[in-house]
Each structure stands twice: as structure tokens, then as C-alpha cells.
N, C-alpha and C. Protein backbone atom coordinates (compact mmCIF):
# COMPACT_ATOMS: atom_id res chain seq x y z
N MET A 1 -14.77 -12.03 0.19
CA MET A 1 -13.78 -11.09 -0.27
C MET A 1 -13.58 -11.21 -1.78
N LEU A 2 -13.55 -12.42 -2.31
CA LEU A 2 -13.40 -12.58 -3.75
C LEU A 2 -14.61 -12.11 -4.51
N SER A 3 -15.74 -11.91 -3.83
CA SER A 3 -16.92 -11.41 -4.53
C SER A 3 -16.64 -10.03 -5.14
N ALA A 4 -15.74 -9.27 -4.55
CA ALA A 4 -15.37 -7.97 -5.10
C ALA A 4 -14.71 -8.13 -6.46
N LEU A 5 -14.05 -9.25 -6.69
CA LEU A 5 -13.40 -9.49 -7.96
C LEU A 5 -14.41 -9.73 -9.07
N ASP A 6 -15.62 -10.17 -8.72
CA ASP A 6 -16.65 -10.41 -9.72
C ASP A 6 -16.99 -9.15 -10.49
N GLU A 7 -16.77 -8.00 -9.88
CA GLU A 7 -17.11 -6.74 -10.51
C GLU A 7 -16.04 -6.24 -11.47
N LEU A 8 -14.87 -6.83 -11.46
CA LEU A 8 -13.80 -6.40 -12.35
C LEU A 8 -14.07 -6.87 -13.77
N ASP A 9 -13.83 -6.01 -14.73
CA ASP A 9 -14.07 -6.33 -16.13
C ASP A 9 -13.02 -7.24 -16.73
N ASP A 10 -11.81 -7.22 -16.20
CA ASP A 10 -10.71 -7.91 -16.88
C ASP A 10 -10.26 -9.17 -16.14
N LEU A 11 -11.20 -9.99 -15.71
CA LEU A 11 -10.82 -11.22 -15.02
C LEU A 11 -10.38 -12.32 -15.97
N HIS A 12 -10.33 -12.03 -17.25
CA HIS A 12 -9.86 -13.05 -18.18
C HIS A 12 -8.42 -13.47 -17.88
N ASP A 13 -7.68 -12.62 -17.19
CA ASP A 13 -6.31 -12.96 -16.78
C ASP A 13 -6.28 -13.81 -15.53
N GLY A 14 -7.40 -13.95 -14.86
CA GLY A 14 -7.49 -14.75 -13.65
C GLY A 14 -7.52 -13.89 -12.41
N ALA A 15 -8.07 -14.46 -11.36
CA ALA A 15 -8.23 -13.74 -10.10
C ALA A 15 -6.88 -13.36 -9.49
N CYS A 16 -5.90 -14.25 -9.59
CA CYS A 16 -4.58 -13.96 -9.00
C CYS A 16 -3.94 -12.75 -9.67
N ALA A 17 -4.06 -12.67 -10.98
CA ALA A 17 -3.49 -11.52 -11.70
C ALA A 17 -4.20 -10.23 -11.32
N ALA A 18 -5.53 -10.32 -11.15
CA ALA A 18 -6.30 -9.13 -10.76
C ALA A 18 -5.88 -8.66 -9.37
N VAL A 19 -5.73 -9.60 -8.44
CA VAL A 19 -5.32 -9.23 -7.08
C VAL A 19 -3.90 -8.67 -7.09
N ASP A 20 -3.03 -9.22 -7.93
CA ASP A 20 -1.67 -8.68 -8.04
C ASP A 20 -1.71 -7.23 -8.51
N ARG A 21 -2.52 -6.93 -9.50
CA ARG A 21 -2.64 -5.55 -9.98
C ARG A 21 -3.18 -4.64 -8.89
N ILE A 22 -4.19 -5.11 -8.17
CA ILE A 22 -4.76 -4.31 -7.08
C ILE A 22 -3.70 -4.06 -6.01
N GLY A 23 -2.91 -5.08 -5.68
CA GLY A 23 -1.85 -4.93 -4.68
C GLY A 23 -0.82 -3.89 -5.09
N ARG A 24 -0.46 -3.88 -6.37
CA ARG A 24 0.50 -2.88 -6.84
C ARG A 24 -0.09 -1.48 -6.78
N GLU A 25 -1.37 -1.36 -7.07
CA GLU A 25 -2.04 -0.06 -6.95
C GLU A 25 -2.06 0.41 -5.49
N ILE A 26 -2.37 -0.50 -4.60
CA ILE A 26 -2.41 -0.16 -3.17
C ILE A 26 -1.02 0.23 -2.68
N ASP A 27 0.01 -0.47 -3.13
CA ASP A 27 1.38 -0.12 -2.74
C ASP A 27 1.71 1.30 -3.18
N GLY A 28 1.32 1.66 -4.39
CA GLY A 28 1.56 3.01 -4.88
C GLY A 28 0.81 4.05 -4.06
N LEU A 29 -0.43 3.73 -3.70
CA LEU A 29 -1.21 4.64 -2.86
C LEU A 29 -0.58 4.80 -1.49
N MET A 30 -0.07 3.69 -0.92
CA MET A 30 0.56 3.74 0.39
C MET A 30 1.82 4.59 0.33
N ARG A 31 2.62 4.43 -0.72
CA ARG A 31 3.82 5.25 -0.87
C ARG A 31 3.47 6.73 -0.96
N SER A 32 2.42 7.04 -1.69
CA SER A 32 1.97 8.44 -1.79
C SER A 32 1.51 8.96 -0.44
N ALA A 33 0.77 8.14 0.29
CA ALA A 33 0.28 8.55 1.60
C ALA A 33 1.43 8.79 2.58
N VAL A 34 2.43 7.91 2.55
CA VAL A 34 3.59 8.09 3.42
C VAL A 34 4.33 9.36 3.03
N GLY A 35 4.51 9.59 1.76
CA GLY A 35 5.16 10.81 1.30
C GLY A 35 4.40 12.06 1.72
N PHE A 36 3.08 11.99 1.63
CA PHE A 36 2.22 13.09 2.05
C PHE A 36 2.41 13.39 3.54
N ASP A 37 2.34 12.31 4.36
CA ASP A 37 2.51 12.50 5.81
C ASP A 37 3.91 12.99 6.15
N ARG A 38 4.94 12.44 5.49
CA ARG A 38 6.31 12.88 5.76
C ARG A 38 6.49 14.36 5.40
N ALA A 39 5.91 14.79 4.28
CA ALA A 39 6.03 16.19 3.86
C ALA A 39 5.37 17.13 4.86
N ARG A 40 4.46 16.62 5.63
CA ARG A 40 3.77 17.43 6.63
C ARG A 40 4.32 17.21 8.04
N GLY A 41 5.51 16.61 8.12
CA GLY A 41 6.22 16.54 9.38
C GLY A 41 6.12 15.25 10.16
N ALA A 42 5.44 14.23 9.63
CA ALA A 42 5.35 12.96 10.36
C ALA A 42 6.74 12.33 10.43
N THR A 43 7.07 11.78 11.57
CA THR A 43 8.35 11.10 11.75
C THR A 43 8.20 9.64 11.34
N TRP A 44 9.32 8.94 11.22
CA TRP A 44 9.27 7.52 10.93
C TRP A 44 8.63 6.76 12.08
N ASP A 45 8.77 7.26 13.30
CA ASP A 45 8.05 6.67 14.44
C ASP A 45 6.54 6.78 14.21
N ASP A 46 6.08 7.97 13.78
CA ASP A 46 4.66 8.19 13.50
C ASP A 46 4.16 7.23 12.42
N ILE A 47 4.90 7.17 11.32
CA ILE A 47 4.50 6.32 10.19
C ILE A 47 4.45 4.86 10.63
N GLY A 48 5.48 4.41 11.33
CA GLY A 48 5.51 3.03 11.81
C GLY A 48 4.33 2.72 12.71
N ALA A 49 4.03 3.63 13.62
CA ALA A 49 2.90 3.40 14.54
C ALA A 49 1.59 3.31 13.77
N ARG A 50 1.41 4.16 12.77
CA ARG A 50 0.17 4.14 11.99
C ARG A 50 0.04 2.87 11.17
N LEU A 51 1.17 2.27 10.80
CA LEU A 51 1.16 1.04 10.00
C LEU A 51 1.36 -0.21 10.85
N HIS A 52 1.48 -0.03 12.15
CA HIS A 52 1.66 -1.14 13.10
C HIS A 52 2.95 -1.91 12.82
N VAL A 53 4.00 -1.16 12.48
CA VAL A 53 5.33 -1.74 12.30
C VAL A 53 6.33 -0.82 13.01
N SER A 54 7.57 -1.27 13.11
CA SER A 54 8.60 -0.42 13.72
C SER A 54 8.96 0.73 12.79
N LYS A 55 9.58 1.76 13.36
CA LYS A 55 10.02 2.87 12.51
C LYS A 55 11.04 2.38 11.49
N GLN A 56 11.88 1.43 11.89
CA GLN A 56 12.89 0.87 10.98
C GLN A 56 12.21 0.16 9.80
N ALA A 57 11.18 -0.64 10.08
CA ALA A 57 10.48 -1.35 9.01
C ALA A 57 9.81 -0.36 8.06
N ALA A 58 9.22 0.69 8.61
CA ALA A 58 8.58 1.71 7.78
C ALA A 58 9.62 2.41 6.90
N TRP A 59 10.74 2.77 7.47
CA TRP A 59 11.80 3.44 6.71
C TRP A 59 12.35 2.52 5.62
N GLU A 60 12.57 1.25 5.96
CA GLU A 60 13.11 0.31 4.97
C GLU A 60 12.16 0.13 3.78
N ARG A 61 10.86 0.15 4.06
CA ARG A 61 9.88 -0.04 2.97
C ARG A 61 9.64 1.24 2.17
N PHE A 62 9.59 2.39 2.85
CA PHE A 62 9.15 3.61 2.19
C PHE A 62 10.19 4.73 2.16
N GLY A 63 11.32 4.52 2.83
CA GLY A 63 12.31 5.58 2.94
C GLY A 63 13.02 5.87 1.63
N PRO A 64 13.84 6.92 1.67
CA PRO A 64 14.55 7.35 0.44
C PRO A 64 15.52 6.35 -0.13
């Protein structure tokens, strides 16, 4: 899995910093995806099921 980090140009900050940046990017993408699904009528039950969490957990993480 860390072999993917070898391809990053900015590892001078260290692998942990690179993974932190990737995680923040993924979080932003997930928020956009949840917003996209919600705008098209997905319920919090739907979102929770797709993320393998409860609807409450999904709402607490991504809700308004």
C-alpha cells in the first residue's frame, strides 16, 4: 500500500503528511458524493447503508 506513496512528488514532508493530505482529499470527495446523492433523493438510511454505518452516524458526519 505504501508503494503508492513512492509515486508522489512531495514526499519530502514524509509519508504521514502525504497520507494526511490524501485523507483530507478523500473526505472532501466523500462529502461531495453524499451531497450529490442527497440532492438526488437518497435518504440518510440509504447513505448509511452505502457507507456501512447507521443513518445517525452518516448524518452526524455529513449532515447539515
